[in-house]
């Protein structure tokens, strides 16, 4: 006897195409015109902040940095779908998620200037700090989600991982755990096409990354990651599902227009034609065109927004440059409580020459 034991399909969702046309049947009902403008402004803030950080790194004023340019819709759409009580577990490129969730621009610069205090996230923001090792945040996210379920909290955990991260054991272990224990976990796969110099096509033979969730018994969907509306809806629906005991994986198809990090030269491993083709699918340009077609945006508003955002970024940078770190932070921010050994080390630490 031979029969099918299991079969599955992966759906793809797009609400706003490259020309700004909307699929009204899929359009989220809770998004009004004001909210769409907020999306546009936040996506621009993320890109403007990114450009400033890249410039500062090239001047030797910031640490090695991972630009987000091109991925704004995936980050802002998912972050703004989250509720205040939901918990975000970003990786190392989700600068848009951090600022959309309330991290100040000043703290953003403090962190990337290399100070411990920048990694100390206000508990009210419900986020973990930047995590650089690939996919190691995934078990953390699953554990946090388990705690949310155990404490019977009305919240979900939204974790971010790159396409390269899905090739790591940590990714599968996390979604397998989530599937078994039915914890409120939503995983956003930010599929930007490249894991440093490794193209998506050489990472896995799977037709989609979303289908990796099938083996863990988790529902999944693939969305146009440059369509902020599709990302928002998918995340909103997934959070609702996760809170009902059904974890979810969302693969967002987007593209890294810049380098992997500032220590990387993408011109050595990818064609310019590929980059130019993706520029035509720019998520900010797409939403901006739609807003203009609807009479919700114009050149004057664009100019005012840019002036205001660039000014706020410069002001935040000025404050961050005046920041003086507290050496005690190297002891205080290691564990949830300070051990006797660390207390003794801090007591005996000599800071007399610290500022010289």
C-alpha atoms as a PDB file:
ATOM      1  CA  UNK A   1       0.000   0.000   0.000  1.00  0.00           C
ATOM      2  CA  UNK A   2       1.178   3.485  -0.835  1.00  0.00           C
ATOM      3  CA  UNK A   3      -0.763   6.611   0.073  1.00  0.00           C
ATOM      4  CA  UNK A   4      -0.185  10.248   0.981  1.00  0.00           C
ATOM      5  CA  UNK A   5       0.679  10.659   4.651  1.00  0.00           C
ATOM      6  CA  UNK A   6       0.812  14.440   4.580  1.00  0.00           C
ATOM      7  CA  UNK A   7       0.596  17.363   2.184  1.00  0.00           C
ATOM      8  CA  UNK A   8       0.835  21.128   2.578  1.00  0.00           C
ATOM      9  CA  UNK A   9       0.994  24.349   0.616  1.00  0.00           C
ATOM     10  CA  UNK A  10       2.544  27.732   1.316  1.00  0.00           C
ATOM     11  CA  UNK A  11       0.500  30.798   0.440  1.00  0.00           C
ATOM     12  CA  UNK A  12       2.004  34.064  -0.777  1.00  0.00           C
ATOM     13  CA  UNK A  13       0.414  37.406   0.092  1.00  0.00           C
ATOM     14  CA  UNK A  14       0.767  40.847  -1.460  1.00  0.00           C
ATOM     15  CA  UNK A  15      -1.675  43.695  -0.811  1.00  0.00           C
ATOM     16  CA  UNK A  16       0.070  46.636  -2.488  1.00  0.00           C
ATOM     17  CA  UNK A  17       1.955  45.925  -5.701  1.00  0.00           C
ATOM     18  CA  UNK A  18       4.954  47.843  -7.070  1.00  0.00           C
ATOM     19  CA  UNK A  19       2.650  50.389  -8.748  1.00  0.00           C
ATOM     20  CA  UNK A  20       0.649  51.148  -5.627  1.00  0.00           C
ATOM     21  CA  UNK A  21      -2.423  49.115  -6.612  1.00  0.00           C
ATOM     22  CA  UNK A  22      -4.329  47.682  -3.632  1.00  0.00           C
ATOM     23  CA  UNK A  23      -6.090  44.342  -3.232  1.00  0.00           C
ATOM     24  CA  UNK A  24      -9.084  45.692  -1.327  1.00  0.00           C
ATOM     25  CA  UNK A  25     -10.184  42.230  -0.196  1.00  0.00           C
ATOM     26  CA  UNK A  26      -6.972  41.850   1.805  1.00  0.00           C
ATOM     27  CA  UNK A  27      -6.635  45.462   2.985  1.00  0.00           C
ATOM     28  CA  UNK A  28      -6.555  45.530   6.830  1.00  0.00           C
ATOM     29  CA  UNK A  29      -9.704  47.249   8.130  1.00  0.00           C
ATOM     30  CA  UNK A  30      -7.913  48.852  11.079  1.00  0.00           C
ATOM     31  CA  UNK A  31      -5.595  50.918   8.867  1.00  0.00           C
ATOM     32  CA  UNK A  32      -6.907  54.424   8.245  1.00  0.00           C
ATOM     33  CA  UNK A  33      -5.231  57.194   6.253  1.00  0.00           C
ATOM     34  CA  UNK A  34      -3.496  58.649   9.321  1.00  0.00           C
ATOM     35  CA  UNK A  35      -1.949  55.291  10.123  1.00  0.00           C
ATOM     36  CA  UNK A  36      -0.633  54.853   6.584  1.00  0.00           C
ATOM     37  CA  UNK A  37       1.106  58.231   6.821  1.00  0.00           C
ATOM     38  CA  UNK A  38       2.633  57.107  10.128  1.00  0.00           C
ATOM     39  CA  UNK A  39       4.008  54.017   8.375  1.00  0.00           C
ATOM     40  CA  UNK A  40       5.568  56.198   5.695  1.00  0.00           C
ATOM     41  CA  UNK A  41       7.152  58.573   8.197  1.00  0.00           C
ATOM     42  CA  UNK A  42       8.560  55.761  10.315  1.00  0.00           C
ATOM     43  CA  UNK A  43      10.005  53.975   7.293  1.00  0.00           C
ATOM     44  CA  UNK A  44      11.718  57.193   6.242  1.00  0.00           C
ATOM     45  CA  UNK A  45      13.034  57.775   9.759  1.00  0.00           C
ATOM     46  CA  UNK A  46      14.541  54.294   9.740  1.00  0.00           C
ATOM     47  CA  UNK A  47      16.264  54.958   6.413  1.00  0.00           C
ATOM     48  CA  UNK A  48      17.498  58.418   7.379  1.00  0.00           C
ATOM     49  CA  UNK A  49      18.862  57.106  10.663  1.00  0.00           C
ATOM     50  CA  UNK A  50      20.520  54.261   8.789  1.00  0.00           C
ATOM     51  CA  UNK A  51      22.220  56.645   6.363  1.00  0.00           C
ATOM     52  CA  UNK A  52      23.535  58.764   9.241  1.00  0.00           C
ATOM     53  CA  UNK A  53      24.867  55.718  11.068  1.00  0.00           C
ATOM     54  CA  UNK A  54      26.620  54.461   7.924  1.00  0.00           C
ATOM     55  CA  UNK A  55      28.255  57.853   7.411  1.00  0.00           C
ATOM     56  CA  UNK A  56      29.425  57.976  11.028  1.00  0.00           C
ATOM     57  CA  UNK A  57      30.860  54.470  10.837  1.00  0.00           C
ATOM     58  CA  UNK A  58      32.871  55.420   7.779  1.00  0.00           C
ATOM     59  CA  UNK A  59      34.264  58.318   9.829  1.00  0.00           C
ATOM     60  CA  UNK A  60      35.320  55.918  12.566  1.00  0.00           C
ATOM     61  CA  UNK A  61      32.721  57.245  14.999  1.00  0.00           C
ATOM     62  CA  UNK A  62      30.536  54.114  15.186  1.00  0.00           C
ATOM     63  CA  UNK A  63      31.236  50.403  15.488  1.00  0.00           C
ATOM     64  CA  UNK A  64      30.820  47.906  12.645  1.00  0.00           C
ATOM     65  CA  UNK A  65      27.270  48.442  11.452  1.00  0.00           C
ATOM     66  CA  UNK A  66      24.646  46.445   9.523  1.00  0.00           C
ATOM     67  CA  UNK A  67      22.570  48.740   7.242  1.00  0.00           C
ATOM     68  CA  UNK A  68      18.846  48.064   6.824  1.00  0.00           C
ATOM     69  CA  UNK A  69      18.218  50.023   3.607  1.00  0.00           C
ATOM     70  CA  UNK A  70      15.629  48.244   1.474  1.00  0.00           C
ATOM     71  CA  UNK A  71      14.097  46.292   4.356  1.00  0.00           C
ATOM     72  CA  UNK A  72      12.049  49.064   5.970  1.00  0.00           C
ATOM     73  CA  UNK A  73       8.623  47.625   5.140  1.00  0.00           C
ATOM     74  CA  UNK A  74       9.395  44.274   6.753  1.00  0.00           C
ATOM     75  CA  UNK A  75      10.620  45.910   9.939  1.00  0.00           C
ATOM     76  CA  UNK A  76       8.121  48.752  10.330  1.00  0.00           C
ATOM     77  CA  UNK A  77       5.110  46.747   9.145  1.00  0.00           C
ATOM     78  CA  UNK A  78       5.768  43.968  11.669  1.00  0.00           C
ATOM     79  CA  UNK A  79       6.774  46.237  14.552  1.00  0.00           C
ATOM     80  CA  UNK A  80       3.695  48.434  14.208  1.00  0.00           C
ATOM     81  CA  UNK A  81       1.439  45.368  14.146  1.00  0.00           C
ATOM     82  CA  UNK A  82       2.603  44.492  17.646  1.00  0.00           C
ATOM     83  CA  UNK A  83       0.751  45.545  20.763  1.00  0.00           C
ATOM     84  CA  UNK A  84       2.396  47.339  23.665  1.00  0.00           C
ATOM     85  CA  UNK A  85       2.462  44.128  25.729  1.00  0.00           C
ATOM     86  CA  UNK A  86       3.930  42.020  22.923  1.00  0.00           C
ATOM     87  CA  UNK A  87       7.644  41.283  23.140  1.00  0.00           C
ATOM     88  CA  UNK A  88      10.184  41.809  20.350  1.00  0.00           C
ATOM     89  CA  UNK A  89      13.366  39.774  19.923  1.00  0.00           C
ATOM     90  CA  UNK A  90      15.339  41.452  17.111  1.00  0.00           C
ATOM     91  CA  UNK A  91      18.713  40.419  15.721  1.00  0.00           C
ATOM     92  CA  UNK A  92      21.412  42.875  14.592  1.00  0.00           C
ATOM     93  CA  UNK A  93      19.827  44.652  11.599  1.00  0.00           C
ATOM     94  CA  UNK A  94      16.386  45.514  12.973  1.00  0.00           C
ATOM     95  CA  UNK A  95      17.034  49.174  13.731  1.00  0.00           C
ATOM     96  CA  UNK A  96      13.577  50.015  12.382  1.00  0.00           C
ATOM     97  CA  UNK A  97      11.969  47.638  14.874  1.00  0.00           C
ATOM     98  CA  UNK A  98      13.796  49.280  17.763  1.00  0.00           C
ATOM     99  CA  UNK A  99      12.770  52.829  16.951  1.00  0.00           C
ATOM    100  CA  UNK A 100       9.208  51.818  16.044  1.00  0.00           C
ATOM    101  CA  UNK A 101       8.941  50.160  19.452  1.00  0.00           C
ATOM    102  CA  UNK A 102      10.119  53.301  21.230  1.00  0.00           C
ATOM    103  CA  UNK A 103      13.903  53.144  21.549  1.00  0.00           C
ATOM    104  CA  UNK A 104      15.212  56.710  21.537  1.00  0.00           C
ATOM    105  CA  UNK A 105      17.541  57.863  18.797  1.00  0.00           C
ATOM    106  CA  UNK A 106      19.997  58.940  21.459  1.00  0.00           C
ATOM    107  CA  UNK A 107      20.216  55.433  22.911  1.00  0.00           C
ATOM    108  CA  UNK A 108      20.563  54.026  19.411  1.00  0.00           C
ATOM    109  CA  UNK A 109      23.714  56.095  18.929  1.00  0.00           C
ATOM    110  CA  UNK A 110      25.009  55.340  22.437  1.00  0.00           C
ATOM    111  CA  UNK A 111      24.853  51.626  21.668  1.00  0.00           C
ATOM    112  CA  UNK A 112      26.544  51.836  18.274  1.00  0.00           C
ATOM    113  CA  UNK A 113      29.257  54.044  19.774  1.00  0.00           C
ATOM    114  CA  UNK A 114      30.138  51.026  21.891  1.00  0.00           C
ATOM    115  CA  UNK A 115      28.768  51.784  25.346  1.00  0.00           C
ATOM    116  CA  UNK A 116      27.201  49.167  27.626  1.00  0.00           C
ATOM    117  CA  UNK A 117      24.351  51.463  28.604  1.00  0.00           C
ATOM    118  CA  UNK A 118      23.082  51.473  25.037  1.00  0.00           C
ATOM    119  CA  UNK A 119      22.307  47.762  25.331  1.00  0.00           C
ATOM    120  CA  UNK A 120      20.261  48.212  28.507  1.00  0.00           C
ATOM    121  CA  UNK A 121      16.706  48.323  27.144  1.00  0.00           C
ATOM    122  CA  UNK A 122      13.949  49.896  29.237  1.00  0.00           C
ATOM    123  CA  UNK A 123      11.741  47.039  30.446  1.00  0.00           C
ATOM    124  CA  UNK A 124       8.664  48.999  29.395  1.00  0.00           C
ATOM    125  CA  UNK A 125       9.703  48.607  25.735  1.00  0.00           C
ATOM    126  CA  UNK A 126       9.528  44.789  25.910  1.00  0.00           C
ATOM    127  CA  UNK A 127      12.577  44.079  23.738  1.00  0.00           C
ATOM    128  CA  UNK A 128      15.882  42.298  23.974  1.00  0.00           C
ATOM    129  CA  UNK A 129      19.083  44.192  23.053  1.00  0.00           C
ATOM    130  CA  UNK A 130      20.947  43.743  19.766  1.00  0.00           C
ATOM    131  CA  UNK A 131      22.050  40.131  19.276  1.00  0.00           C
ATOM    132  CA  UNK A 132      24.891  39.645  16.793  1.00  0.00           C
ATOM    133  CA  UNK A 133      25.580  35.852  16.688  1.00  0.00           C
ATOM    134  CA  UNK A 134      23.452  34.325  13.943  1.00  0.00           C
ATOM    135  CA  UNK A 135      20.172  32.807  15.181  1.00  0.00           C
ATOM    136  CA  UNK A 136      21.182  32.529  18.856  1.00  0.00           C
ATOM    137  CA  UNK A 137      18.234  34.765  19.720  1.00  0.00           C
ATOM    138  CA  UNK A 138      15.765  32.112  18.591  1.00  0.00           C
ATOM    139  CA  UNK A 139      15.934  29.826  21.651  1.00  0.00           C
ATOM    140  CA  UNK A 140      15.739  32.963  23.792  1.00  0.00           C
ATOM    141  CA  UNK A 141      12.558  33.974  21.988  1.00  0.00           C
ATOM    142  CA  UNK A 142      11.023  30.524  22.450  1.00  0.00           C
ATOM    143  CA  UNK A 143      11.885  30.627  26.143  1.00  0.00           C
ATOM    144  CA  UNK A 144      10.364  34.069  26.602  1.00  0.00           C
ATOM    145  CA  UNK A 145       7.232  32.887  24.801  1.00  0.00           C
ATOM    146  CA  UNK A 146       7.062  29.875  27.125  1.00  0.00           C
ATOM    147  CA  UNK A 147       7.265  32.245  30.103  1.00  0.00           C
ATOM    148  CA  UNK A 148       4.446  34.375  28.668  1.00  0.00           C
ATOM    149  CA  UNK A 149       2.273  31.276  28.404  1.00  0.00           C
ATOM    150  CA  UNK A 150       3.220  30.072  31.882  1.00  0.00           C
ATOM    151  CA  UNK A 151       2.389  33.462  33.395  1.00  0.00           C
ATOM    152  CA  UNK A 152      -0.869  33.536  31.410  1.00  0.00           C
ATOM    153  CA  UNK A 153       0.008  36.925  29.915  1.00  0.00           C
ATOM    154  CA  UNK A 154      -1.979  38.272  26.982  1.00  0.00           C
ATOM    155  CA  UNK A 155       1.070  38.813  24.787  1.00  0.00           C
ATOM    156  CA  UNK A 156       3.057  37.227  21.983  1.00  0.00           C
ATOM    157  CA  UNK A 157       6.770  37.180  21.197  1.00  0.00           C
ATOM    158  CA  UNK A 158       7.872  38.324  17.744  1.00  0.00           C
ATOM    159  CA  UNK A 159      11.377  37.154  16.850  1.00  0.00           C
ATOM    160  CA  UNK A 160      13.436  38.181  13.822  1.00  0.00           C
ATOM    161  CA  UNK A 161      15.907  36.019  11.926  1.00  0.00           C
ATOM    162  CA  UNK A 162      17.612  36.347   8.557  1.00  0.00           C
ATOM    163  CA  UNK A 163      17.517  33.845   5.718  1.00  0.00           C
ATOM    164  CA  UNK A 164      20.987  32.654   6.736  1.00  0.00           C
ATOM    165  CA  UNK A 165      19.774  32.183  10.289  1.00  0.00           C
ATOM    166  CA  UNK A 166      17.208  29.608   9.163  1.00  0.00           C
ATOM    167  CA  UNK A 167      20.100  27.305   8.283  1.00  0.00           C
ATOM    168  CA  UNK A 168      21.200  27.230  11.920  1.00  0.00           C
ATOM    169  CA  UNK A 169      20.110  24.561  14.377  1.00  0.00           C
ATOM    170  CA  UNK A 170      18.938  27.241  16.820  1.00  0.00           C
ATOM    171  CA  UNK A 171      16.196  28.243  14.387  1.00  0.00           C
ATOM    172  CA  UNK A 172      14.699  24.796  14.073  1.00  0.00           C
ATOM    173  CA  UNK A 173      15.090  24.003  17.771  1.00  0.00           C
ATOM    174  CA  UNK A 174      13.142  27.156  18.614  1.00  0.00           C
ATOM    175  CA  UNK A 175      10.235  26.542  16.240  1.00  0.00           C
ATOM    176  CA  UNK A 176      10.139  22.848  17.160  1.00  0.00           C
ATOM    177  CA  UNK A 177       9.875  23.800  20.839  1.00  0.00           C
ATOM    178  CA  UNK A 178       7.187  26.353  19.992  1.00  0.00           C
ATOM    179  CA  UNK A 179       5.211  23.777  18.049  1.00  0.00           C
ATOM    180  CA  UNK A 180       5.378  21.133  20.778  1.00  0.00           C
ATOM    181  CA  UNK A 181       4.515  23.450  23.671  1.00  0.00           C
ATOM    182  CA  UNK A 182       2.221  25.743  21.670  1.00  0.00           C
ATOM    183  CA  UNK A 183       3.858  28.910  22.944  1.00  0.00           C
ATOM    184  CA  UNK A 184       2.861  32.357  21.617  1.00  0.00           C
ATOM    185  CA  UNK A 185       5.787  32.781  19.213  1.00  0.00           C
ATOM    186  CA  UNK A 186       5.800  34.536  15.844  1.00  0.00           C
ATOM    187  CA  UNK A 187       8.965  34.251  13.759  1.00  0.00           C
ATOM    188  CA  UNK A 188       9.709  36.856  11.099  1.00  0.00           C
ATOM    189  CA  UNK A 189      12.182  35.520   8.525  1.00  0.00           C
ATOM    190  CA  UNK A 190      13.703  38.633   7.004  1.00  0.00           C
ATOM    191  CA  UNK A 191      14.716  37.008   3.724  1.00  0.00           C
ATOM    192  CA  UNK A 192      16.886  39.664   2.094  1.00  0.00           C
ATOM    193  CA  UNK A 193      18.413  37.316  -0.443  1.00  0.00           C
ATOM    194  CA  UNK A 194      21.915  37.078   0.938  1.00  0.00           C
ATOM    195  CA  UNK A 195      23.655  35.708   4.035  1.00  0.00           C
ATOM    196  CA  UNK A 196      26.760  37.873   3.687  1.00  0.00           C
ATOM    197  CA  UNK A 197      28.043  36.525   0.319  1.00  0.00           C
ATOM    198  CA  UNK A 198      25.946  33.350   0.330  1.00  0.00           C
ATOM    199  CA  UNK A 199      22.889  33.646  -1.943  1.00  0.00           C
ATOM    200  CA  UNK A 200      19.547  32.265  -0.849  1.00  0.00           C
ATOM    201  CA  UNK A 201      19.720  29.675  -3.659  1.00  0.00           C
ATOM    202  CA  UNK A 202      22.804  28.053  -2.108  1.00  0.00           C
ATOM    203  CA  UNK A 203      21.487  27.950   1.459  1.00  0.00           C
ATOM    204  CA  UNK A 204      18.703  25.436   0.942  1.00  0.00           C
ATOM    205  CA  UNK A 205      16.985  23.478  -1.818  1.00  0.00           C
ATOM    206  CA  UNK A 206      13.587  24.294  -0.297  1.00  0.00           C
ATOM    207  CA  UNK A 207      11.322  26.297  -2.596  1.00  0.00           C
ATOM    208  CA  UNK A 208      10.476  28.655   0.284  1.00  0.00           C
ATOM    209  CA  UNK A 209      11.877  29.319   3.729  1.00  0.00           C
ATOM    210  CA  UNK A 210       8.350  29.445   5.124  1.00  0.00           C
ATOM    211  CA  UNK A 211       7.938  25.727   4.493  1.00  0.00           C
ATOM    212  CA  UNK A 212      10.593  24.955   7.082  1.00  0.00           C
ATOM    213  CA  UNK A 213       7.851  25.555   9.647  1.00  0.00           C
ATOM    214  CA  UNK A 214       5.881  22.574   8.341  1.00  0.00           C
ATOM    215  CA  UNK A 215       8.296  20.072   9.898  1.00  0.00           C
ATOM    216  CA  UNK A 216       7.695  21.716  13.280  1.00  0.00           C
ATOM    217  CA  UNK A 217       3.919  21.565  12.905  1.00  0.00           C
ATOM    218  CA  UNK A 218       3.628  25.335  12.655  1.00  0.00           C
ATOM    219  CA  UNK A 219       1.545  27.376  10.230  1.00  0.00           C
ATOM    220  CA  UNK A 220       3.415  29.735   7.935  1.00  0.00           C
ATOM    221  CA  UNK A 221       3.022  32.183   5.087  1.00  0.00           C
ATOM    222  CA  UNK A 222       5.266  33.961   2.598  1.00  0.00           C
ATOM    223  CA  UNK A 223       4.640  37.665   2.002  1.00  0.00           C
ATOM    224  CA  UNK A 224       5.997  40.488  -0.126  1.00  0.00           C
ATOM    225  CA  UNK A 225       8.417  41.950   2.394  1.00  0.00           C
ATOM    226  CA  UNK A 226       8.534  45.261   0.533  1.00  0.00           C
ATOM    227  CA  UNK A 227       4.782  45.668   0.963  1.00  0.00           C
ATOM    228  CA  UNK A 228       4.283  47.221   4.398  1.00  0.00           C
ATOM    229  CA  UNK A 229       0.544  46.463   4.294  1.00  0.00           C
ATOM    230  CA  UNK A 230       1.056  42.741   3.675  1.00  0.00           C
ATOM    231  CA  UNK A 231       3.692  42.518   6.397  1.00  0.00           C
ATOM    232  CA  UNK A 232       1.413  44.362   8.825  1.00  0.00           C
ATOM    233  CA  UNK A 233      -1.562  42.112   8.118  1.00  0.00           C
ATOM    234  CA  UNK A 234       0.448  38.897   8.228  1.00  0.00           C
ATOM    235  CA  UNK A 235       2.014  39.864  11.562  1.00  0.00           C
ATOM    236  CA  UNK A 236      -1.292  41.012  13.040  1.00  0.00           C
ATOM    237  CA  UNK A 237      -2.957  37.732  12.055  1.00  0.00           C
ATOM    238  CA  UNK A 238       0.016  35.673  13.263  1.00  0.00           C
ATOM    239  CA  UNK A 239       0.044  37.364  16.680  1.00  0.00           C
ATOM    240  CA  UNK A 240      -3.639  36.572  17.094  1.00  0.00           C
ATOM    241  CA  UNK A 241      -2.957  32.969  16.121  1.00  0.00           C
ATOM    242  CA  UNK A 242       0.023  32.683  18.473  1.00  0.00           C
ATOM    243  CA  UNK A 243      -2.002  33.942  21.422  1.00  0.00           C
ATOM    244  CA  UNK A 244      -4.481  31.159  20.700  1.00  0.00           C
ATOM    245  CA  UNK A 245      -1.732  28.545  21.024  1.00  0.00           C
ATOM    246  CA  UNK A 246      -0.753  28.325  17.364  1.00  0.00           C
ATOM    247  CA  UNK A 247       2.786  29.649  16.707  1.00  0.00           C
ATOM    248  CA  UNK A 248       3.491  31.128  13.304  1.00  0.00           C
ATOM    249  CA  UNK A 249       6.325  31.702  10.851  1.00  0.00           C
ATOM    250  CA  UNK A 250       6.277  34.551   8.311  1.00  0.00           C
ATOM    251  CA  UNK A 251       8.794  34.686   5.475  1.00  0.00           C
ATOM    252  CA  UNK A 252       9.184  38.258   4.224  1.00  0.00           C
ATOM    253  CA  UNK A 253      10.703  38.473   0.738  1.00  0.00           C
ATOM    254  CA  UNK A 254      12.760  41.648   0.721  1.00  0.00           C
ATOM    255  CA  UNK A 255      16.252  42.693  -0.366  1.00  0.00           C
ATOM    256  CA  UNK A 256      19.388  44.104   1.206  1.00  0.00           C
ATOM    257  CA  UNK A 257      20.210  47.065  -1.028  1.00  0.00           C
ATOM    258  CA  UNK A 258      23.398  47.817   0.882  1.00  0.00           C
ATOM    259  CA  UNK A 259      26.204  45.728   2.316  1.00  0.00           C
ATOM    260  CA  UNK A 260      25.834  42.986   4.909  1.00  0.00           C
ATOM    261  CA  UNK A 261      27.854  45.102   7.323  1.00  0.00           C
ATOM    262  CA  UNK A 262      30.334  47.930   6.939  1.00  0.00           C
ATOM    263  CA  UNK A 263      33.135  45.327   6.772  1.00  0.00           C
ATOM    264  CA  UNK A 264      31.621  43.838   3.617  1.00  0.00           C
ATOM    265  CA  UNK A 265      31.831  44.728  -0.103  1.00  0.00           C
ATOM    266  CA  UNK A 266      28.763  43.307  -1.923  1.00  0.00           C
ATOM    267  CA  UNK A 267      30.127  44.389  -5.306  1.00  0.00           C
ATOM    268  CA  UNK A 268      32.474  41.395  -5.119  1.00  0.00           C
ATOM    269  CA  UNK A 269      29.718  38.798  -5.108  1.00  0.00           C
ATOM    270  CA  UNK A 270      26.523  40.168  -6.683  1.00  0.00           C
ATOM    271  CA  UNK A 271      25.612  41.870  -9.927  1.00  0.00           C
ATOM    272  CA  UNK A 272      24.651  45.549 -10.134  1.00  0.00           C
ATOM    273  CA  UNK A 273      21.707  44.602 -12.352  1.00  0.00           C
ATOM    274  CA  UNK A 274      20.203  42.590  -9.492  1.00  0.00           C
ATOM    275  CA  UNK A 275      20.418  45.559  -7.138  1.00  0.00           C
ATOM    276  CA  UNK A 276      18.936  47.935  -9.704  1.00  0.00           C
ATOM    277  CA  UNK A 277      16.009  45.584 -10.293  1.00  0.00           C
ATOM    278  CA  UNK A 278      15.201  45.552  -6.586  1.00  0.00           C
ATOM    279  CA  UNK A 279      15.465  49.335  -6.335  1.00  0.00           C
ATOM    280  CA  UNK A 280      12.348  49.477  -8.507  1.00  0.00           C
ATOM    281  CA  UNK A 281      10.552  47.596  -5.735  1.00  0.00           C
ATOM    282  CA  UNK A 282      11.685  50.080  -3.077  1.00  0.00           C
ATOM    283  CA  UNK A 283       9.205  49.811  -0.161  1.00  0.00           C
ATOM    284  CA  UNK A 284       9.299  53.530   0.674  1.00  0.00           C
ATOM    285  CA  UNK A 285       8.832  54.628  -2.932  1.00  0.00           C
ATOM    286  CA  UNK A 286       5.921  52.218  -3.266  1.00  0.00           C
ATOM    287  CA  UNK A 287       4.002  53.532  -0.242  1.00  0.00           C
ATOM    288  CA  UNK A 288       4.895  57.132  -1.084  1.00  0.00           C
ATOM    289  CA  UNK A 289       3.425  56.791  -4.567  1.00  0.00           C
ATOM    290  CA  UNK A 290       0.224  55.367  -3.120  1.00  0.00           C
ATOM    291  CA  UNK A 291      -0.122  58.226  -0.623  1.00  0.00           C
ATOM    292  CA  UNK A 292       0.413  60.793  -3.367  1.00  0.00           C
ATOM    293  CA  UNK A 293      -2.182  59.131  -5.583  1.00  0.00           C
ATOM    294  CA  UNK A 294      -4.665  59.398  -2.717  1.00  0.00           C
ATOM    295  CA  UNK A 295      -3.833  63.052  -2.070  1.00  0.00           C
ATOM    296  CA  UNK A 296      -2.375  62.229   1.335  1.00  0.00           C
ATOM    297  CA  UNK A 297       1.181  63.379   0.575  1.00  0.00           C
ATOM    298  CA  UNK A 298       2.989  66.010  -1.487  1.00  0.00           C
ATOM    299  CA  UNK A 299       6.416  67.582  -2.031  1.00  0.00           C
ATOM    300  CA  UNK A 300       5.919  70.162   0.714  1.00  0.00           C
ATOM    301  CA  UNK A 301       5.091  67.487   3.269  1.00  0.00           C
ATOM    302  CA  UNK A 302       8.057  65.429   2.113  1.00  0.00           C
ATOM    303  CA  UNK A 303      10.424  68.368   2.567  1.00  0.00           C
ATOM    304  CA  UNK A 304       9.080  69.186   6.022  1.00  0.00           C
ATOM    305  CA  UNK A 305       9.326  65.577   7.125  1.00  0.00           C
ATOM    306  CA  UNK A 306      12.915  65.261   5.938  1.00  0.00           C
ATOM    307  CA  UNK A 307      13.978  68.482   7.640  1.00  0.00           C
ATOM    308  CA  UNK A 308      12.343  67.452  10.907  1.00  0.00           C
ATOM    309  CA  UNK A 309      13.786  63.942  10.895  1.00  0.00           C
ATOM    310  CA  UNK A 310      17.317  64.981   9.994  1.00  0.00           C
ATOM    311  CA  UNK A 311      17.206  67.638  12.687  1.00  0.00           C
ATOM    312  CA  UNK A 312      16.018  65.153  15.324  1.00  0.00           C
ATOM    313  CA  UNK A 313      18.734  62.697  14.298  1.00  0.00           C
ATOM    314  CA  UNK A 314      21.441  65.366  14.598  1.00  0.00           C
ATOM    315  CA  UNK A 315      20.117  66.440  18.003  1.00  0.00           C
ATOM    316  CA  UNK A 316      20.112  62.855  19.246  1.00  0.00           C
ATOM    317  CA  UNK A 317      23.661  62.357  17.986  1.00  0.00           C
ATOM    318  CA  UNK A 318      24.798  65.514  19.767  1.00  0.00           C
ATOM    319  CA  UNK A 319      23.380  64.210  23.052  1.00  0.00           C
ATOM    320  CA  UNK A 320      24.921  60.793  22.494  1.00  0.00           C
ATOM    321  CA  UNK A 321      28.337  62.352  21.895  1.00  0.00           C
ATOM    322  CA  UNK A 322      28.057  64.107  25.260  1.00  0.00           C
ATOM    323  CA  UNK A 323      27.222  60.841  27.018  1.00  0.00           C
ATOM    324  CA  UNK A 324      29.708  59.740  29.680  1.00  0.00           C
ATOM    325  CA  UNK A 325      29.457  56.040  30.509  1.00  0.00           C
ATOM    326  CA  UNK A 326      29.332  54.691  34.031  1.00  0.00           C
ATOM    327  CA  UNK A 327      32.039  52.033  34.448  1.00  0.00           C
ATOM    328  CA  UNK A 328      29.773  50.197  36.909  1.00  0.00           C
ATOM    329  CA  UNK A 329      27.635  49.156  33.947  1.00  0.00           C
ATOM    330  CA  UNK A 330      30.130  46.428  33.030  1.00  0.00           C
ATOM    331  CA  UNK A 331      29.203  44.765  36.322  1.00  0.00           C
ATOM    332  CA  UNK A 332      25.528  45.687  36.609  1.00  0.00           C
ATOM    333  CA  UNK A 333      24.297  44.565  33.200  1.00  0.00           C
ATOM    334  CA  UNK A 334      25.703  41.027  33.137  1.00  0.00           C
ATOM    335  CA  UNK A 335      22.948  39.167  35.006  1.00  0.00           C
ATOM    336  CA  UNK A 336      19.433  39.920  36.236  1.00  0.00           C
ATOM    337  CA  UNK A 337      20.980  40.316  39.704  1.00  0.00           C
ATOM    338  CA  UNK A 338      24.561  41.006  40.746  1.00  0.00           C
ATOM    339  CA  UNK A 339      26.467  38.065  42.190  1.00  0.00           C
ATOM    340  CA  UNK A 340      28.699  38.412  45.235  1.00  0.00           C
ATOM    341  CA  UNK A 341      31.753  37.962  43.026  1.00  0.00           C
ATOM    342  CA  UNK A 342      30.720  40.842  40.775  1.00  0.00           C
ATOM    343  CA  UNK A 343      29.852  43.025  43.762  1.00  0.00           C
ATOM    344  CA  UNK A 344      33.341  42.441  45.132  1.00  0.00           C
ATOM    345  CA  UNK A 345      34.946  43.204  41.760  1.00  0.00           C
ATOM    346  CA  UNK A 346      32.978  46.441  41.432  1.00  0.00           C
ATOM    347  CA  UNK A 347      33.888  47.452  44.968  1.00  0.00           C
ATOM    348  CA  UNK A 348      37.594  46.908  44.270  1.00  0.00           C
ATOM    349  CA  UNK A 349      37.593  48.481  40.799  1.00  0.00           C
ATOM    350  CA  UNK A 350      39.822  51.529  40.432  1.00  0.00           C
ATOM    351  CA  UNK A 351      38.400  54.199  38.101  1.00  0.00           C
ATOM    352  CA  UNK A 352      40.890  56.916  39.023  1.00  0.00           C
ATOM    353  CA  UNK A 353      42.423  56.981  35.539  1.00  0.00           C
ATOM    354  CA  UNK A 354      39.205  56.211  33.659  1.00  0.00           C
ATOM    355  CA  UNK A 355      38.680  59.665  32.139  1.00  0.00           C
ATOM    356  CA  UNK A 356      42.328  60.439  31.472  1.00  0.00           C
END
